[in-house]
């Protein structure tokens, strides 16, 4: 099973656009990165409305708000078991 990262975003969100660019830098690490618009699900709006963008890995929130590739990579290394 491939490790999966979910990037929660919404439209017209400059921080989300920046987060997408940063997450694109991590594609070579072998993670599947799925983008999910929180406005597709009322529960997601309630859960993440004020936090987005949000990076989630295996059900755990790694980072939200200001997302940068370096921090995400470091956090992934800390939670990945070898």
PDB file of N, CA and C in Angstrom:
ATOM      1  N   UNK A   1       0.844  -1.193   0.000  1.00  0.00           N
ATOM      2  CA  UNK A   1       0.000   0.000   0.000  1.00  0.00           C
ATOM      3  C   UNK A   1       0.886   1.253   0.000  1.00  0.00           C
ATOM      4  N   UNK A   2       0.560   2.153  -0.881  1.00  0.00           N
ATOM      5  CA  UNK A   2       1.339   3.385  -1.003  1.00  0.00           C
ATOM      6  C   UNK A   2       0.883   4.397   0.042  1.00  0.00           C
ATOM      7  N   UNK A   3       1.857   5.092   0.632  1.00  0.00           N
ATOM      8  CA  UNK A   3       1.526   6.134   1.594  1.00  0.00           C
ATOM      9  C   UNK A   3       0.811   7.269   0.872  1.00  0.00           C
ATOM     10  N   UNK A   4      -0.198   7.833   1.536  1.00  0.00           N
ATOM     11  CA  UNK A   4      -1.026   8.841   0.889  1.00  0.00           C
ATOM     12  C   UNK A   4      -1.071  10.125   1.697  1.00  0.00           C
ATOM     13  N   UNK A   5      -0.909  11.215   0.993  1.00  0.00           N
ATOM     14  CA  UNK A   5      -1.025  12.544   1.579  1.00  0.00           C
ATOM     15  C   UNK A   5      -2.259  13.197   0.972  1.00  0.00           C
ATOM     16  N   UNK A   6      -3.074  13.805   1.825  1.00  0.00           N
ATOM     17  CA  UNK A   6      -4.224  14.558   1.342  1.00  0.00           C
ATOM     18  C   UNK A   6      -3.957  16.035   1.615  1.00  0.00           C
ATOM     19  N   UNK A   7      -4.113  16.849   0.588  1.00  0.00           N
ATOM     20  CA  UNK A   7      -3.998  18.293   0.705  1.00  0.00           C
ATOM     21  C   UNK A   7      -5.408  18.865   0.603  1.00  0.00           C
ATOM     22  N   UNK A   8      -5.924  19.346   1.715  1.00  0.00           N
ATOM     23  CA  UNK A   8      -7.250  19.956   1.739  1.00  0.00           C
ATOM     24  C   UNK A   8      -7.115  21.424   1.346  1.00  0.00           C
ATOM     25  N   UNK A   9      -7.928  21.830   0.371  1.00  0.00           N
ATOM     26  CA  UNK A   9      -7.861  23.184  -0.167  1.00  0.00           C
ATOM     27  C   UNK A   9      -9.271  23.715  -0.423  1.00  0.00           C
ATOM     28  N   UNK A  10      -9.334  24.906  -0.953  1.00  0.00           N
ATOM     29  CA  UNK A  10     -10.589  25.459  -1.489  1.00  0.00           C
ATOM     30  C   UNK A  10     -10.218  26.404  -2.617  1.00  0.00           C
ATOM     31  N   UNK A  11     -11.201  26.749  -3.425  1.00  0.00           N
ATOM     32  CA  UNK A  11     -10.964  27.675  -4.527  1.00  0.00           C
ATOM     33  C   UNK A  11     -10.747  29.094  -3.999  1.00  0.00           C
ATOM     34  N   UNK A  12     -10.077  29.904  -4.806  1.00  0.00           N
ATOM     35  CA  UNK A  12      -9.822  31.318  -4.491  1.00  0.00           C
ATOM     36  C   UNK A  12      -9.122  31.476  -3.144  1.00  0.00           C
ATOM     37  N   UNK A  13      -8.083  30.666  -2.965  1.00  0.00           N
ATOM     38  CA  UNK A  13      -7.329  30.666  -1.710  1.00  0.00           C
ATOM     39  C   UNK A  13      -5.845  30.770  -2.058  1.00  0.00           C
ATOM     40  N   UNK A  14      -5.258  31.953  -1.923  1.00  0.00           N
ATOM     41  CA  UNK A  14      -3.842  32.116  -2.265  1.00  0.00           C
ATOM     42  C   UNK A  14      -2.910  31.183  -1.481  1.00  0.00           C
ATOM     43  N   UNK A  15      -3.197  30.956  -0.204  1.00  0.00           N
ATOM     44  CA  UNK A  15      -2.372  30.025   0.568  1.00  0.00           C
ATOM     45  C   UNK A  15      -2.472  28.606   0.014  1.00  0.00           C
ATOM     46  N   UNK A  16      -3.651  28.245  -0.469  1.00  0.00           N
ATOM     47  CA  UNK A  16      -3.842  26.919  -1.060  1.00  0.00           C
ATOM     48  C   UNK A  16      -3.038  26.789  -2.350  1.00  0.00           C
ATOM     49  N   UNK A  17      -3.033  27.842  -3.143  1.00  0.00           N
ATOM     50  CA  UNK A  17      -2.251  27.824  -4.385  1.00  0.00           C
ATOM     51  C   UNK A  17      -0.766  27.653  -4.081  1.00  0.00           C
ATOM     52  N   UNK A  18      -0.289  28.362  -3.063  1.00  0.00           N
ATOM     53  CA  UNK A  18       1.109  28.221  -2.666  1.00  0.00           C
ATOM     54  C   UNK A  18       1.388  26.810  -2.150  1.00  0.00           C
ATOM     55  N   UNK A  19       0.453  26.261  -1.373  1.00  0.00           N
ATOM     56  CA  UNK A  19       0.622  24.906  -0.832  1.00  0.00           C
ATOM     57  C   UNK A  19       0.695  23.881  -1.951  1.00  0.00           C
ATOM     58  N   UNK A  20      -0.108  24.046  -3.003  1.00  0.00           N
ATOM     59  CA  UNK A  20      -0.070  23.128  -4.150  1.00  0.00           C
ATOM     60  C   UNK A  20       1.307  23.148  -4.804  1.00  0.00           C
ATOM     61  N   UNK A  21       1.864  24.334  -4.960  1.00  0.00           N
ATOM     62  CA  UNK A  21       3.198  24.464  -5.556  1.00  0.00           C
ATOM     63  C   UNK A  21       4.247  23.785  -4.683  1.00  0.00           C
ATOM     64  N   UNK A  22       4.143  23.987  -3.375  1.00  0.00           N
ATOM     65  CA  UNK A  22       5.099  23.375  -2.451  1.00  0.00           C
ATOM     66  C   UNK A  22       4.974  21.851  -2.453  1.00  0.00           C
ATOM     67  N   UNK A  23       3.755  21.357  -2.449  1.00  0.00           N
ATOM     68  CA  UNK A  23       3.541  19.905  -2.427  1.00  0.00           C
ATOM     69  C   UNK A  23       4.025  19.252  -3.719  1.00  0.00           C
ATOM     70  N   UNK A  24       3.951  19.976  -4.829  1.00  0.00           N
ATOM     71  CA  UNK A  24       4.444  19.441  -6.107  1.00  0.00           C
ATOM     72  C   UNK A  24       5.934  19.131  -6.025  1.00  0.00           C
ATOM     73  N   UNK A  25       6.651  19.839  -5.156  1.00  0.00           N
ATOM     74  CA  UNK A  25       8.084  19.599  -4.992  1.00  0.00           C
ATOM     75  C   UNK A  25       8.373  18.260  -4.317  1.00  0.00           C
ATOM     76  N   UNK A  26       7.360  17.641  -3.715  1.00  0.00           N
ATOM     77  CA  UNK A  26       7.543  16.396  -2.968  1.00  0.00           C
ATOM     78  C   UNK A  26       7.149  15.143  -3.737  1.00  0.00           C
ATOM     79  N   UNK A  27       6.702  15.298  -4.967  1.00  0.00           N
ATOM     80  CA  UNK A  27       6.221  14.147  -5.735  1.00  0.00           C
ATOM     81  C   UNK A  27       7.279  13.067  -5.923  1.00  0.00           C
ATOM     82  N   UNK A  28       8.545  13.460  -5.970  1.00  0.00           N
ATOM     83  CA  UNK A  28       9.610  12.483  -6.191  1.00  0.00           C
ATOM     84  C   UNK A  28       9.897  11.628  -4.954  1.00  0.00           C
ATOM     85  N   UNK A  29       9.235  11.892  -3.837  1.00  0.00           N
ATOM     86  CA  UNK A  29       9.451  11.114  -2.619  1.00  0.00           C
ATOM     87  C   UNK A  29       8.651   9.807  -2.605  1.00  0.00           C
ATOM     88  N   UNK A  30       7.765   9.623  -3.591  1.00  0.00           N
ATOM     89  CA  UNK A  30       7.020   8.377  -3.693  1.00  0.00           C
ATOM     90  C   UNK A  30       5.677   8.376  -2.986  1.00  0.00           C
ATOM     91  N   UNK A  31       5.217   9.522  -2.549  1.00  0.00           N
ATOM     92  CA  UNK A  31       3.915   9.619  -1.905  1.00  0.00           C
ATOM     93  C   UNK A  31       2.855   9.946  -2.943  1.00  0.00           C
ATOM     94  N   UNK A  32       1.685   9.369  -2.767  1.00  0.00           N
ATOM     95  CA  UNK A  32       0.544   9.762  -3.575  1.00  0.00           C
ATOM     96  C   UNK A  32      -0.044  10.994  -2.908  1.00  0.00           C
ATOM     97  N   UNK A  33      -0.176  12.082  -3.656  1.00  0.00           N
ATOM     98  CA  UNK A  33      -0.724  13.320  -3.107  1.00  0.00           C
ATOM     99  C   UNK A  33      -2.082  13.569  -3.756  1.00  0.00           C
ATOM    100  N   UNK A  34      -3.111  13.563  -2.920  1.00  0.00           N
ATOM    101  CA  UNK A  34      -4.476  13.786  -3.399  1.00  0.00           C
ATOM    102  C   UNK A  34      -4.943  15.147  -2.911  1.00  0.00           C
ATOM    103  N   UNK A  35      -5.468  15.936  -3.821  1.00  0.00           N
ATOM    104  CA  UNK A  35      -6.014  17.238  -3.440  1.00  0.00           C
ATOM    105  C   UNK A  35      -7.515  17.093  -3.253  1.00  0.00           C
ATOM    106  N   UNK A  36      -8.030  17.669  -2.170  1.00  0.00           N
ATOM    107  CA  UNK A  36      -9.451  17.570  -1.888  1.00  0.00           C
ATOM    108  C   UNK A  36      -9.988  18.957  -1.550  1.00  0.00           C
ATOM    109  N   UNK A  37     -10.986  19.401  -2.310  1.00  0.00           N
ATOM    110  CA  UNK A  37     -11.641  20.687  -2.079  1.00  0.00           C
ATOM    111  C   UNK A  37     -12.640  20.516  -0.934  1.00  0.00           C
ATOM    112  N   UNK A  38     -12.465  21.279   0.138  1.00  0.00           N
ATOM    113  CA  UNK A  38     -13.331  21.100   1.300  1.00  0.00           C
ATOM    114  C   UNK A  38     -14.780  21.461   1.006  1.00  0.00           C
ATOM    115  N   UNK A  39     -15.023  22.236  -0.043  1.00  0.00           N
ATOM    116  CA  UNK A  39     -16.391  22.620  -0.368  1.00  0.00           C
ATOM    117  C   UNK A  39     -17.174  21.514  -1.068  1.00  0.00           C
ATOM    118  N   UNK A  40     -16.574  20.348  -1.212  1.00  0.00           N
ATOM    119  CA  UNK A  40     -17.271  19.190  -1.765  1.00  0.00           C
ATOM    120  C   UNK A  40     -17.985  18.395  -0.670  1.00  0.00           C
ATOM    121  N   UNK A  41     -17.755  18.751   0.604  1.00  0.00           N
ATOM    122  CA  UNK A  41     -18.298  17.984   1.710  1.00  0.00           C
ATOM    123  C   UNK A  41     -18.494  18.905   2.911  1.00  0.00           C
ATOM    124  N   UNK A  42     -19.734  19.010   3.403  1.00  0.00           N
ATOM    125  CA  UNK A  42     -20.037  19.890   4.532  1.00  0.00           C
ATOM    126  C   UNK A  42     -19.217  19.541   5.769  1.00  0.00           C
ATOM    127  N   UNK A  43     -18.957  18.261   5.973  1.00  0.00           N
ATOM    128  CA  UNK A  43     -18.164  17.831   7.124  1.00  0.00           C
ATOM    129  C   UNK A  43     -16.736  18.367   7.042  1.00  0.00           C
ATOM    130  N   UNK A  44     -16.188  18.394   5.821  1.00  0.00           N
ATOM    131  CA  UNK A  44     -14.835  18.933   5.634  1.00  0.00           C
ATOM    132  C   UNK A  44     -14.802  20.434   5.867  1.00  0.00           C
ATOM    133  N   UNK A  45     -15.851  21.127   5.458  1.00  0.00           N
ATOM    134  CA  UNK A  45     -15.933  22.569   5.705  1.00  0.00           C
ATOM    135  C   UNK A  45     -15.927  22.826   7.209  1.00  0.00           C
ATOM    136  N   UNK A  46     -16.723  22.057   7.936  1.00  0.00           N
ATOM    137  CA  UNK A  46     -16.799  22.223   9.384  1.00  0.00           C
ATOM    138  C   UNK A  46     -15.466  21.887  10.051  1.00  0.00           C
ATOM    139  N   UNK A  47     -14.817  20.840   9.562  1.00  0.00           N
ATOM    140  CA  UNK A  47     -13.566  20.374  10.167  1.00  0.00           C
ATOM    141  C   UNK A  47     -12.372  21.294   9.863  1.00  0.00           C
ATOM    142  N   UNK A  48     -12.282  21.766   8.597  1.00  0.00           N
ATOM    143  CA  UNK A  48     -11.083  22.477   8.161  1.00  0.00           C
ATOM    144  C   UNK A  48     -11.314  23.912   7.718  1.00  0.00           C
ATOM    145  N   UNK A  49     -12.519  24.418   7.817  1.00  0.00           N
ATOM    146  CA  UNK A  49     -12.869  25.715   7.265  1.00  0.00           C
ATOM    147  C   UNK A  49     -11.880  26.841   7.493  1.00  0.00           C
ATOM    148  N   UNK A  50     -11.389  26.985   8.713  1.00  0.00           N
ATOM    149  CA  UNK A  50     -10.488  28.093   9.034  1.00  0.00           C
ATOM    150  C   UNK A  50      -9.022  27.690   9.011  1.00  0.00           C
ATOM    151  N   UNK A  51      -8.744  26.424   8.765  1.00  0.00           N
ATOM    152  CA  UNK A  51      -7.365  25.932   8.851  1.00  0.00           C
ATOM    153  C   UNK A  51      -6.670  25.807   7.496  1.00  0.00           C
ATOM    154  N   UNK A  52      -7.432  25.752   6.423  1.00  0.00           N
ATOM    155  CA  UNK A  52      -6.851  25.384   5.140  1.00  0.00           C
ATOM    156  C   UNK A  52      -5.773  26.339   4.672  1.00  0.00           C
ATOM    157  N   UNK A  53      -4.846  25.877   3.896  1.00  0.00           N
ATOM    158  CA  UNK A  53      -4.670  24.501   3.450  1.00  0.00           C
ATOM    159  C   UNK A  53      -4.197  23.599   4.598  1.00  0.00           C
ATOM    160  N   UNK A  54      -4.564  22.319   4.482  1.00  0.00           N
ATOM    161  CA  UNK A  54      -4.207  21.334   5.493  1.00  0.00           C
ATOM    162  C   UNK A  54      -3.535  20.153   4.804  1.00  0.00           C
ATOM    163  N   UNK A  55      -2.414  19.702   5.365  1.00  0.00           N
ATOM    164  CA  UNK A  55      -1.719  18.516   4.866  1.00  0.00           C
ATOM    165  C   UNK A  55      -1.968  17.400   5.870  1.00  0.00           C
ATOM    166  N   UNK A  56      -2.567  16.313   5.383  1.00  0.00           N
ATOM    167  CA  UNK A  56      -2.871  15.164   6.224  1.00  0.00           C
ATOM    168  C   UNK A  56      -2.136  13.943   5.690  1.00  0.00           C
ATOM    169  N   UNK A  57      -1.541  13.170   6.584  1.00  0.00           N
ATOM    170  CA  UNK A  57      -0.816  11.954   6.205  1.00  0.00           C
ATOM    171  C   UNK A  57      -1.330  10.805   7.059  1.00  0.00           C
ATOM    172  N   UNK A  58      -1.888   9.799   6.397  1.00  0.00           N
ATOM    173  CA  UNK A  58      -2.427   8.628   7.094  1.00  0.00           C
ATOM    174  C   UNK A  58      -3.339   9.014   8.259  1.00  0.00           C
ATOM    175  N   UNK A  59      -4.216   9.995   8.029  1.00  0.00           N
ATOM    176  CA  UNK A  59      -5.195  10.405   9.024  1.00  0.00           C
ATOM    177  C   UNK A  59      -4.698  11.392  10.062  1.00  0.00           C
ATOM    178  N   UNK A  60      -3.441  11.773  10.011  1.00  0.00           N
ATOM    179  CA  UNK A  60      -2.860  12.701  10.978  1.00  0.00           C
ATOM    180  C   UNK A  60      -2.558  14.038  10.295  1.00  0.00           C
ATOM    181  N   UNK A  61      -2.994  15.135  10.902  1.00  0.00           N
ATOM    182  CA  UNK A  61      -2.705  16.457  10.352  1.00  0.00           C
ATOM    183  C   UNK A  61      -1.239  16.778  10.635  1.00  0.00           C
ATOM    184  N   UNK A  62      -0.496  17.004   9.556  1.00  0.00           N
ATOM    185  CA  UNK A  62       0.917  17.346   9.691  1.00  0.00           C
ATOM    186  C   UNK A  62       1.141  18.844   9.781  1.00  0.00           C
ATOM    187  N   UNK A  63       0.390  19.581   8.973  1.00  0.00           N
ATOM    188  CA  UNK A  63       0.647  21.012   8.850  1.00  0.00           C
ATOM    189  C   UNK A  63      -0.596  21.688   8.292  1.00  0.00           C
ATOM    190  N   UNK A  64      -0.819  22.928   8.698  1.00  0.00           N
ATOM    191  CA  UNK A  64      -1.919  23.702   8.107  1.00  0.00           C
ATOM    192  C   UNK A  64      -1.544  25.170   8.077  1.00  0.00           C
ATOM    193  N   UNK A  65      -2.273  25.907   7.242  1.00  0.00           N
ATOM    194  CA  UNK A  65      -1.978  27.334   7.076  1.00  0.00           C
ATOM    195  C   UNK A  65      -0.845  27.522   6.091  1.00  0.00           C
ATOM    196  N   UNK A  66       0.283  27.944   6.581  1.00  0.00           N
ATOM    197  CA  UNK A  66       1.461  28.149   5.730  1.00  0.00           C
ATOM    198  C   UNK A  66       2.152  26.805   5.512  1.00  0.00           C
ATOM    199  N   UNK A  67       2.129  26.305   4.287  1.00  0.00           N
ATOM    200  CA  UNK A  67       2.696  24.993   3.960  1.00  0.00           C
ATOM    201  C   UNK A  67       3.958  25.180   3.131  1.00  0.00           C
ATOM    202  N   UNK A  68       5.048  24.547   3.564  1.00  0.00           N
ATOM    203  CA  UNK A  68       6.264  24.571   2.758  1.00  0.00           C
ATOM    204  C   UNK A  68       6.826  23.159   2.652  1.00  0.00           C
ATOM    205  N   UNK A  69       7.442  22.879   1.520  1.00  0.00           N
ATOM    206  CA  UNK A  69       7.926  21.536   1.199  1.00  0.00           C
ATOM    207  C   UNK A  69       8.942  21.038   2.225  1.00  0.00           C
ATOM    208  N   UNK A  70       9.841  21.890   2.667  1.00  0.00           N
ATOM    209  CA  UNK A  70      10.877  21.479   3.618  1.00  0.00           C
ATOM    210  C   UNK A  70      10.255  20.953   4.912  1.00  0.00           C
ATOM    211  N   UNK A  71       9.300  21.696   5.460  1.00  0.00           N
ATOM    212  CA  UNK A  71       8.667  21.293   6.722  1.00  0.00           C
ATOM    213  C   UNK A  71       7.869  20.012   6.550  1.00  0.00           C
ATOM    214  N   UNK A  72       7.120  19.910   5.465  1.00  0.00           N
ATOM    215  CA  UNK A  72       6.344  18.687   5.218  1.00  0.00           C
ATOM    216  C   UNK A  72       7.281  17.491   5.102  1.00  0.00           C
ATOM    217  N   UNK A  73       8.364  17.645   4.365  1.00  0.00           N
ATOM    218  CA  UNK A  73       9.318  16.544   4.194  1.00  0.00           C
ATOM    219  C   UNK A  73       9.892  16.123   5.546  1.00  0.00           C
ATOM    220  N   UNK A  74      10.255  17.079   6.365  1.00  0.00           N
ATOM    221  CA  UNK A  74      10.806  16.784   7.700  1.00  0.00           C
ATOM    222  C   UNK A  74       9.773  16.069   8.569  1.00  0.00           C
ATOM    223  N   UNK A  75       8.530  16.536   8.550  1.00  0.00           N
ATOM    224  CA  UNK A  75       7.480  15.905   9.333  1.00  0.00           C
ATOM    225  C   UNK A  75       7.187  14.487   8.846  1.00  0.00           C
ATOM    226  N   UNK A  76       7.224  14.280   7.532  1.00  0.00           N
ATOM    227  CA  UNK A  76       7.010  12.940   6.977  1.00  0.00           C
ATOM    228  C   UNK A  76       8.118  11.990   7.434  1.00  0.00           C
ATOM    229  N   UNK A  77       9.323  12.477   7.450  1.00  0.00           N
ATOM    230  CA  UNK A  77      10.453  11.644   7.880  1.00  0.00           C
ATOM    231  C   UNK A  77      10.293  11.264   9.355  1.00  0.00           C
ATOM    232  N   UNK A  78       9.775  12.160  10.161  1.00  0.00           N
ATOM    233  CA  UNK A  78       9.595  11.890  11.580  1.00  0.00           C
ATOM    234  C   UNK A  78       8.489  10.877  11.860  1.00  0.00           C
ATOM    235  N   UNK A  79       7.453  10.825  11.015  1.00  0.00           N
ATOM    236  CA  UNK A  79       6.340   9.915  11.292  1.00  0.00           C
ATOM    237  C   UNK A  79       6.402   8.635  10.459  1.00  0.00           C
ATOM    238  N   UNK A  80       7.345   8.540   9.559  1.00  0.00           N
ATOM    239  CA  UNK A  80       7.461   7.354   8.719  1.00  0.00           C
ATOM    240  C   UNK A  80       8.263   6.290   9.461  1.00  0.00           C
ATOM    241  N   UNK A  81       7.696   5.098   9.549  1.00  0.00           N
ATOM    242  CA  UNK A  81       8.402   3.997  10.216  1.00  0.00           C
ATOM    243  C   UNK A  81       9.079   3.127   9.164  1.00  0.00           C
ATOM    244  N   UNK A  82      10.303   2.795   9.418  1.00  0.00           N
ATOM    245  CA  UNK A  82      11.071   1.976   8.476  1.00  0.00           C
ATOM    246  C   UNK A  82      11.191   0.573   9.009  1.00  0.00           C
TER     247      UNK A  82
END
